Amino acid sequence: MDPSAAPRSEMLVNLARRLSLYKPAHSLDEPSSENLTGQADDKVAQNVGLNSKSVTNPITITPPMSKSKRAAVLICLFEGESGDLCVVLTKRSSKLSSHPVALPGGKMEEGDANDIETALREAKEEIGLDPSIVHVITLLESFTNKKGMTVIPVVGLVWDRSSMNLVANADEVDSIFYAPLEMFLKNENRTEEEREWMGNKYLLHFFNHQSKDEVYIIWALTAGILINAATIIYQRPPNFEERRPIFWK
């Protein structure tokens, strides 16, 4: 079935329209000369029935930075069976040096033209997600980890969840699961730890989510990215104090 012909829920269409107008709180350092604004505008317009001239996706282009210090993750959203908005998550392989829960994604490679290509390529490699069924809507604010890696969240929608025939790459991923995005605004199943870095006290949030027979813990940068995404999408702050580390900015 042609992905473009898949039935589209009113919730997802409205979300696509609204996010296409989203402006990040700070600009993104784009390592490519390609104009992402036009790319995002055309895709949104094509897939939600808008005139491309009426869509303004204000992704700004700033001086280039090294690709070796840049990564992208895919916030892949779809409508769950109960009508809630869900996000695709992975548990990294135990073969890797660190194996927390993460969004699909990874470091930018030389062949990647932009952050969108990085996120979609990594998602295909890690979980077999077909890029043709993902409709990229926008990019969110970048996050920087302690090692100085800049991570760009790429938001994409899948209109038909049955088209996601996901298969974990055993070298990189142990399991794939879904979680409701709204849970990252709630105080339920959440704990926190206060940490300090260079005199700055911040909170690490830990979200417990049961999927089938396993309980997954979503925390650190992944939790931070999803708290931010949920705040933007649901247009309200979390029901708890967030207090981000200063190095994420």
C-alpha atoms as a PDB file:
ATOM      1  CA  MET A   1       0.000   0.000   0.000  1.00  0.00           C
ATOM      2  CA  ASP A   2       1.252   3.466  -0.882  1.00  0.00           C
ATOM      3  CA  PRO A   3       2.097   5.211   2.449  1.00  0.00           C
ATOM      4  CA  SER A   4       0.717   8.469   1.090  1.00  0.00           C
ATOM      5  CA  ALA A   5      -2.687   6.786   0.673  1.00  0.00           C
ATOM      6  CA  ALA A   6      -2.859   5.578   4.283  1.00  0.00           C
ATOM      7  CA  PRO A   7      -5.797   6.828   6.355  1.00  0.00           C
ATOM      8  CA  ARG A   8      -4.902   9.836   8.467  1.00  0.00           C
ATOM      9  CA  SER A   9      -6.346  10.577  11.846  1.00  0.00           C
ATOM     10  CA  GLU A  10      -7.541  14.072  12.576  1.00  0.00           C
ATOM     11  CA  MET A  11      -5.198  14.203  15.574  1.00  0.00           C
ATOM     12  CA  LEU A  12      -2.096  13.552  13.460  1.00  0.00           C
ATOM     13  CA  VAL A  13      -3.143  15.933  10.693  1.00  0.00           C
ATOM     14  CA  ASN A  14      -3.743  18.728  13.201  1.00  0.00           C
ATOM     15  CA  LEU A  15      -0.429  17.991  14.894  1.00  0.00           C
ATOM     16  CA  ALA A  16       1.399  18.138  11.559  1.00  0.00           C
ATOM     17  CA  ARG A  17      -0.174  21.484  10.722  1.00  0.00           C
ATOM     18  CA  ARG A  18       0.710  22.967  14.099  1.00  0.00           C
ATOM     19  CA  LEU A  19       4.272  21.644  14.288  1.00  0.00           C
ATOM     20  CA  SER A  20       5.020  22.846  10.761  1.00  0.00           C
ATOM     21  CA  LEU A  21       4.832  26.367  12.210  1.00  0.00           C
ATOM     22  CA  TYR A  22       6.987  25.618  15.239  1.00  0.00           C
ATOM     23  CA  LYS A  23      10.018  27.830  15.840  1.00  0.00           C
ATOM     24  CA  PRO A  24      12.811  26.433  18.050  1.00  0.00           C
ATOM     25  CA  ALA A  25      13.760  28.598  21.023  1.00  0.00           C
ATOM     26  CA  HIS A  26      17.316  28.821  19.679  1.00  0.00           C
ATOM     27  CA  SER A  27      18.827  28.311  16.247  1.00  0.00           C
ATOM     28  CA  LEU A  28      20.384  25.095  14.998  1.00  0.00           C
ATOM     29  CA  ASP A  29      23.958  24.881  13.733  1.00  0.00           C
ATOM     30  CA  GLU A  30      23.411  23.273  10.342  1.00  0.00           C
ATOM     31  CA  PRO A  31      26.507  21.556   8.883  1.00  0.00           C
ATOM     32  CA  SER A  32      25.048  21.542   5.376  1.00  0.00           C
ATOM     33  CA  SER A  33      24.349  24.360   2.956  1.00  0.00           C
ATOM     34  CA  GLU A  34      21.036  22.735   2.027  1.00  0.00           C
ATOM     35  CA  ASN A  35      17.996  24.802   2.985  1.00  0.00           C
ATOM     36  CA  LEU A  36      16.034  22.573   5.349  1.00  0.00           C
ATOM     37  CA  THR A  37      13.200  25.075   5.527  1.00  0.00           C
ATOM     38  CA  GLY A  38      12.171  24.402   1.959  1.00  0.00           C
ATOM     39  CA  GLN A  39      12.565  20.645   2.385  1.00  0.00           C
ATOM     40  CA  ALA A  40      10.367  20.540   5.468  1.00  0.00           C
ATOM     41  CA  ASP A  41       7.794  22.913   3.975  1.00  0.00           C
ATOM     42  CA  ASP A  42       7.328  20.850   0.829  1.00  0.00           C
ATOM     43  CA  LYS A  43       6.984  17.569   2.734  1.00  0.00           C
ATOM     44  CA  VAL A  44       4.479  18.963   5.209  1.00  0.00           C
ATOM     45  CA  ALA A  45       2.457  20.603   2.474  1.00  0.00           C
ATOM     46  CA  GLN A  46       2.398  17.430   0.401  1.00  0.00           C
ATOM     47  CA  ASN A  47       1.359  15.168   3.241  1.00  0.00           C
ATOM     48  CA  VAL A  48      -1.252  17.203   5.098  1.00  0.00           C
ATOM     49  CA  GLY A  49      -2.843  18.973   2.169  1.00  0.00           C
ATOM     50  CA  LEU A  50      -1.471  22.470   2.703  1.00  0.00           C
ATOM     51  CA  ASN A  51      -0.309  24.984   0.162  1.00  0.00           C
ATOM     52  CA  SER A  52       3.487  24.966   0.568  1.00  0.00           C
ATOM     53  CA  LYS A  53       3.537  28.759   0.429  1.00  0.00           C
ATOM     54  CA  SER A  54       1.291  28.899   3.482  1.00  0.00           C
ATOM     55  CA  VAL A  55       3.671  26.833   5.615  1.00  0.00           C
ATOM     56  CA  THR A  56       6.571  28.522   7.337  1.00  0.00           C
ATOM     57  CA  ASN A  57       8.921  26.108   9.074  1.00  0.00           C
ATOM     58  CA  PRO A  58      11.422  28.538  10.575  1.00  0.00           C
ATOM     59  CA  ILE A  59      14.447  26.268  10.876  1.00  0.00           C
ATOM     60  CA  THR A  60      17.322  28.707  10.770  1.00  0.00           C
ATOM     61  CA  ILE A  61      20.618  28.130   9.008  1.00  0.00           C
ATOM     62  CA  THR A  62      23.687  29.223  10.973  1.00  0.00           C
ATOM     63  CA  PRO A  63      27.452  28.811  10.406  1.00  0.00           C
ATOM     64  CA  PRO A  64      28.469  25.162   9.883  1.00  0.00           C
ATOM     65  CA  MET A  65      29.912  22.983  12.612  1.00  0.00           C
ATOM     66  CA  SER A  66      31.886  19.743  12.490  1.00  0.00           C
ATOM     67  CA  LYS A  67      29.847  16.675  11.567  1.00  0.00           C
ATOM     68  CA  SER A  68      31.980  14.645  13.976  1.00  0.00           C
ATOM     69  CA  LYS A  69      30.395  16.530  16.873  1.00  0.00           C
ATOM     70  CA  ARG A  70      26.822  16.238  15.636  1.00  0.00           C
ATOM     71  CA  ALA A  71      24.116  13.586  15.977  1.00  0.00           C
ATOM     72  CA  ALA A  72      20.393  13.324  15.298  1.00  0.00           C
ATOM     73  CA  VAL A  73      17.604  11.280  16.861  1.00  0.00           C
ATOM     74  CA  LEU A  74      14.182  10.483  15.434  1.00  0.00           C
ATOM     75  CA  ILE A  75      11.090  11.232  17.502  1.00  0.00           C
ATOM     76  CA  CYS A  76       8.829   8.907  15.509  1.00  0.00           C
ATOM     77  CA  LEU A  77       5.205   9.523  16.488  1.00  0.00           C
ATOM     78  CA  PHE A  78       2.060   7.590  15.617  1.00  0.00           C
ATOM     79  CA  GLU A  79      -1.464   7.107  16.923  1.00  0.00           C
ATOM     80  CA  GLY A  80      -1.724   4.142  19.276  1.00  0.00           C
ATOM     81  CA  GLU A  81      -4.572   1.665  19.536  1.00  0.00           C
ATOM     82  CA  SER A  82      -6.300   3.718  22.234  1.00  0.00           C
ATOM     83  CA  GLY A  83      -5.953   6.953  20.281  1.00  0.00           C
ATOM     84  CA  ASP A  84      -3.010   8.346  22.241  1.00  0.00           C
ATOM     85  CA  LEU A  85       0.158   9.723  20.677  1.00  0.00           C
ATOM     86  CA  CYS A  86       3.010   7.215  20.961  1.00  0.00           C
ATOM     87  CA  VAL A  87       6.760   7.376  20.369  1.00  0.00           C
ATOM     88  CA  VAL A  88       9.130   4.628  19.199  1.00  0.00           C
ATOM     89  CA  LEU A  89      11.956   3.795  21.628  1.00  0.00           C
ATOM     90  CA  THR A  90      14.735   1.236  21.769  1.00  0.00           C
ATOM     91  CA  LYS A  91      16.788  -0.539  24.385  1.00  0.00           C
ATOM     92  CA  ARG A  92      20.372  -0.488  23.167  1.00  0.00           C
ATOM     93  CA  SER A  93      22.231  -3.765  22.773  1.00  0.00           C
ATOM     94  CA  SER A  94      23.974  -5.198  25.820  1.00  0.00           C
ATOM     95  CA  LYS A  95      26.956  -5.697  23.476  1.00  0.00           C
ATOM     96  CA  LEU A  96      27.536  -1.943  23.494  1.00  0.00           C
ATOM     97  CA  SER A  97      29.542  -0.079  26.132  1.00  0.00           C
ATOM     98  CA  SER A  98      26.391   1.649  27.358  1.00  0.00           C
ATOM     99  CA  HIS A  99      22.906   0.320  26.854  1.00  0.00           C
ATOM    100  CA  PRO A 100      20.195   2.635  28.159  1.00  0.00           C
ATOM    101  CA  VAL A 101      16.848   3.228  26.503  1.00  0.00           C
ATOM    102  CA  ALA A 102      17.234   5.601  23.562  1.00  0.00           C
ATOM    103  CA  LEU A 103      15.479   7.139  20.600  1.00  0.00           C
ATOM    104  CA  PRO A 104      16.581   5.755  17.218  1.00  0.00           C
ATOM    105  CA  GLY A 105      19.505   7.835  15.991  1.00  0.00           C
ATOM    106  CA  GLY A 106      23.221   8.379  16.044  1.00  0.00           C
ATOM    107  CA  LYS A 107      26.182  10.360  14.801  1.00  0.00           C
ATOM    108  CA  MET A 108      26.135  12.240  11.536  1.00  0.00           C
ATOM    109  CA  GLU A 109      28.209  10.649   8.778  1.00  0.00           C
ATOM    110  CA  GLU A 110      30.018  12.394   5.928  1.00  0.00           C
ATOM    111  CA  GLY A 111      27.434  11.213   3.412  1.00  0.00           C
ATOM    112  CA  ASP A 112      24.521  12.747   5.342  1.00  0.00           C
ATOM    113  CA  ALA A 113      23.323  16.011   3.813  1.00  0.00           C
ATOM    114  CA  ASN A 114      21.500  17.132   6.959  1.00  0.00           C
ATOM    115  CA  ASP A 115      20.063  16.080  10.317  1.00  0.00           C
ATOM    116  CA  ILE A 116      16.947  14.583   8.730  1.00  0.00           C
ATOM    117  CA  GLU A 117      19.040  12.190   6.649  1.00  0.00           C
ATOM    118  CA  THR A 118      21.058  11.213   9.715  1.00  0.00           C
ATOM    119  CA  ALA A 119      17.981  10.431  11.813  1.00  0.00           C
ATOM    120  CA  LEU A 120      16.229   8.456   9.059  1.00  0.00           C
ATOM    121  CA  ARG A 121      19.372   6.523   8.105  1.00  0.00           C
ATOM    122  CA  GLU A 122      20.074   5.560  11.706  1.00  0.00           C
ATOM    123  CA  ALA A 123      16.442   4.524  12.299  1.00  0.00           C
ATOM    124  CA  LYS A 124      16.569   2.268   9.254  1.00  0.00           C
ATOM    125  CA  GLU A 125      19.863   0.721  10.370  1.00  0.00           C
ATOM    126  CA  GLU A 126      18.799   0.194  13.986  1.00  0.00           C
ATOM    127  CA  ILE A 127      15.142  -0.847  13.746  1.00  0.00           C
ATOM    128  CA  GLY A 128      14.421  -1.321  10.034  1.00  0.00           C
ATOM    129  CA  LEU A 129      12.109   1.702   9.837  1.00  0.00           C
ATOM    130  CA  ASP A 130      11.328   2.462   6.195  1.00  0.00           C
ATOM    131  CA  PRO A 131      12.137   6.167   5.617  1.00  0.00           C
ATOM    132  CA  SER A 132       9.388   6.417   3.001  1.00  0.00           C
ATOM    133  CA  ILE A 133       6.634   6.028   5.627  1.00  0.00           C
ATOM    134  CA  VAL A 134       8.038   8.732   7.921  1.00  0.00           C
ATOM    135  CA  HIS A 135       6.811  12.260   7.242  1.00  0.00           C
ATOM    136  CA  VAL A 136       9.269  14.673   8.805  1.00  0.00           C
ATOM    137  CA  ILE A 137       7.546  17.741  10.226  1.00  0.00           C
ATOM    138  CA  THR A 138      10.175  19.780  12.052  1.00  0.00           C
ATOM    139  CA  LEU A 139      13.374  19.847  14.081  1.00  0.00           C
ATOM    140  CA  LEU A 140      13.385  20.744  17.767  1.00  0.00           C
ATOM    141  CA  GLU A 141      15.958  22.519  19.925  1.00  0.00           C
ATOM    142  CA  SER A 142      19.377  20.923  20.006  1.00  0.00           C
ATOM    143  CA  PHE A 143      20.821  19.347  23.154  1.00  0.00           C
ATOM    144  CA  THR A 144      24.528  19.069  23.982  1.00  0.00           C
ATOM    145  CA  ASN A 145      25.887  16.259  26.144  1.00  0.00           C
ATOM    146  CA  LYS A 146      28.886  16.376  28.495  1.00  0.00           C
ATOM    147  CA  LYS A 147      31.185  15.215  25.698  1.00  0.00           C
ATOM    148  CA  GLY A 148      30.239  18.191  23.544  1.00  0.00           C
ATOM    149  CA  MET A 149      28.105  16.227  21.069  1.00  0.00           C
ATOM    150  CA  THR A 150      25.204  18.275  19.697  1.00  0.00           C
ATOM    151  CA  VAL A 151      22.038  16.171  19.320  1.00  0.00           C
ATOM    152  CA  ILE A 152      19.213  17.339  17.043  1.00  0.00           C
ATOM    153  CA  PRO A 153      15.716  15.851  17.595  1.00  0.00           C
ATOM    154  CA  VAL A 154      13.893  15.270  14.293  1.00  0.00           C
ATOM    155  CA  VAL A 155      10.106  14.923  14.587  1.00  0.00           C
ATOM    156  CA  GLY A 156       8.387  12.592  12.125  1.00  0.00           C
ATOM    157  CA  LEU A 157       4.897  11.103  11.860  1.00  0.00           C
ATOM    158  CA  VAL A 158       3.801   7.678  10.668  1.00  0.00           C
ATOM    159  CA  TRP A 159       0.201   7.871   9.477  1.00  0.00           C
ATOM    160  CA  ASP A 160      -0.440   4.101   9.599  1.00  0.00           C
ATOM    161  CA  ARG A 161       1.168   2.217  12.491  1.00  0.00           C
ATOM    162  CA  SER A 162       0.577  -1.130  10.746  1.00  0.00           C
ATOM    163  CA  SER A 163       3.119  -0.069   8.106  1.00  0.00           C
ATOM    164  CA  MET A 164       5.918  -0.113  10.704  1.00  0.00           C
ATOM    165  CA  ASN A 165       7.401  -3.568  10.260  1.00  0.00           C
ATOM    166  CA  LEU A 166      10.212  -2.989  12.718  1.00  0.00           C
ATOM    167  CA  VAL A 167      13.075  -5.430  13.243  1.00  0.00           C
ATOM    168  CA  ALA A 168      15.853  -4.799  15.762  1.00  0.00           C
ATOM    169  CA  ASN A 169      19.444  -4.860  14.518  1.00  0.00           C
ATOM    170  CA  ALA A 170      20.924  -7.263  17.075  1.00  0.00           C
ATOM    171  CA  ASP A 171      24.309  -5.528  16.982  1.00  0.00           C
ATOM    172  CA  GLU A 172      22.775  -2.246  18.130  1.00  0.00           C
ATOM    173  CA  VAL A 173      19.348  -2.889  19.653  1.00  0.00           C
ATOM    174  CA  ASP A 174      18.029  -5.502  22.093  1.00  0.00           C
ATOM    175  CA  SER A 175      14.367  -4.507  21.879  1.00  0.00           C
ATOM    176  CA  ILE A 176      11.895  -2.013  20.409  1.00  0.00           C
ATOM    177  CA  PHE A 177       8.907  -0.648  22.287  1.00  0.00           C
ATOM    178  CA  TYR A 178       6.403   2.203  22.274  1.00  0.00           C
ATOM    179  CA  ALA A 179       5.468   4.676  24.993  1.00  0.00           C
ATOM    180  CA  PRO A 180       2.752   7.344  25.201  1.00  0.00           C
ATOM    181  CA  LEU A 181       4.383  10.738  24.722  1.00  0.00           C
ATOM    182  CA  GLU A 182       2.196  12.384  27.364  1.00  0.00           C
ATOM    183  CA  MET A 183       3.753  10.256  30.110  1.00  0.00           C
ATOM    184  CA  PHE A 184       6.790  12.561  29.995  1.00  0.00           C
ATOM    185  CA  LEU A 185       4.675  15.377  31.432  1.00  0.00           C
ATOM    186  CA  LYS A 186       3.226  13.315  34.282  1.00  0.00           C
ATOM    187  CA  ASN A 187       4.529  12.673  37.769  1.00  0.00           C
ATOM    188  CA  GLU A 188       3.363   9.058  37.686  1.00  0.00           C
ATOM    189  CA  ASN A 189       6.009   6.336  37.464  1.00  0.00           C
ATOM    190  CA  ARG A 190       8.725   8.994  37.719  1.00  0.00           C
ATOM    191  CA  THR A 191      11.644   9.437  40.084  1.00  0.00           C
ATOM    192  CA  GLU A 192      14.410  12.007  40.129  1.00  0.00           C
ATOM    193  CA  GLU A 193      17.982  12.441  41.326  1.00  0.00           C
ATOM    194  CA  GLU A 194      19.767  15.702  41.976  1.00  0.00           C
ATOM    195  CA  ARG A 195      23.209  15.913  40.391  1.00  0.00           C
ATOM    196  CA  GLU A 196      25.841  18.639  40.196  1.00  0.00           C
ATOM    197  CA  TRP A 197      28.131  19.668  37.366  1.00  0.00           C
ATOM    198  CA  MET A 198      30.572  22.576  37.659  1.00  0.00           C
ATOM    199  CA  GLY A 199      28.570  24.063  40.508  1.00  0.00           C
ATOM    200  CA  ASN A 200      25.261  23.695  38.668  1.00  0.00           C
ATOM    201  CA  LYS A 201      22.660  21.520  40.410  1.00  0.00           C
ATOM    202  CA  TYR A 202      20.205  19.802  38.092  1.00  0.00           C
ATOM    203  CA  LEU A 203      17.675  16.972  38.100  1.00  0.00           C
ATOM    204  CA  LEU A 204      17.871  13.668  36.261  1.00  0.00           C
ATOM    205  CA  HIS A 205      14.416  12.224  35.592  1.00  0.00           C
ATOM    206  CA  PHE A 206      13.709   8.483  35.435  1.00  0.00           C
ATOM    207  CA  PHE A 207      10.451   7.267  33.850  1.00  0.00           C
ATOM    208  CA  ASN A 208       9.381   3.640  34.323  1.00  0.00           C
ATOM    209  CA  HIS A 209       7.319   2.188  31.498  1.00  0.00           C
ATOM    210  CA  GLN A 210       6.073  -1.383  31.210  1.00  0.00           C
ATOM    211  CA  SER A 211       5.751  -2.836  27.734  1.00  0.00           C
ATOM    212  CA  LYS A 212       4.696  -6.464  27.531  1.00  0.00           C
ATOM    213  CA  ASP A 213       6.770  -8.318  30.157  1.00  0.00           C
ATOM    214  CA  GLU A 214       9.578  -5.802  30.589  1.00  0.00           C
ATOM    215  CA  VAL A 215       9.893  -2.556  32.511  1.00  0.00           C
ATOM    216  CA  TYR A 216      12.011   0.029  30.732  1.00  0.00           C
ATOM    217  CA  ILE A 217      13.648   3.042  32.379  1.00  0.00           C
ATOM    218  CA  ILE A 218      13.821   6.153  30.211  1.00  0.00           C
ATOM    219  CA  TRP A 219      16.231   8.698  31.643  1.00  0.00           C
ATOM    220  CA  ALA A 220      19.090  11.163  31.051  1.00  0.00           C
ATOM    221  CA  LEU A 221      19.246  12.898  27.662  1.00  0.00           C
ATOM    222  CA  THR A 222      16.484  10.769  26.122  1.00  0.00           C
ATOM    223  CA  ALA A 223      14.091  11.729  28.918  1.00  0.00           C
ATOM    224  CA  GLY A 224      15.104  15.376  28.554  1.00  0.00           C
ATOM    225  CA  ILE A 225      14.427  15.379  24.819  1.00  0.00           C
ATOM    226  CA  LEU A 226      11.025  13.732  25.310  1.00  0.00           C
ATOM    227  CA  ILE A 227      10.011  16.085  28.145  1.00  0.00           C
ATOM    228  CA  ASN A 228      10.786  18.976  25.805  1.00  0.00           C
ATOM    229  CA  ALA A 229       8.933  17.383  22.872  1.00  0.00           C
ATOM    230  CA  ALA A 230       5.863  16.631  25.003  1.00  0.00           C
ATOM    231  CA  THR A 231       5.865  20.180  26.400  1.00  0.00           C
ATOM    232  CA  ILE A 232       5.835  21.585  22.854  1.00  0.00           C
ATOM    233  CA  ILE A 233       3.283  19.153  21.443  1.00  0.00           C
ATOM    234  CA  TYR A 234       0.820  19.282  24.356  1.00  0.00           C
ATOM    235  CA  GLN A 235       1.481  22.997  24.898  1.00  0.00           C
ATOM    236  CA  ARG A 236       1.855  22.742  28.661  1.00  0.00           C
ATOM    237  CA  PRO A 237       4.717  22.293  31.127  1.00  0.00           C
ATOM    238  CA  PRO A 238       5.394  19.026  32.987  1.00  0.00           C
ATOM    239  CA  ASN A 239       3.722  18.364  36.351  1.00  0.00           C
ATOM    240  CA  PHE A 240       7.115  18.465  38.065  1.00  0.00           C
ATOM    241  CA  GLU A 241      10.185  20.671  38.281  1.00  0.00           C
ATOM    242  CA  GLU A 242      12.402  19.997  35.279  1.00  0.00           C
ATOM    243  CA  ARG A 243      15.637  21.879  36.139  1.00  0.00           C
ATOM    244  CA  ARG A 244      17.852  20.963  33.200  1.00  0.00           C
ATOM    245  CA  PRO A 245      21.656  20.765  33.358  1.00  0.00           C
ATOM    246  CA  ILE A 246      23.281  23.842  31.867  1.00  0.00           C
ATOM    247  CA  PHE A 247      25.395  21.788  29.436  1.00  0.00           C
ATOM    248  CA  TRP A 248      22.266  20.693  27.542  1.00  0.00           C
ATOM    249  CA  LYS A 249      21.764  24.242  26.265  1.00  0.00           C
END
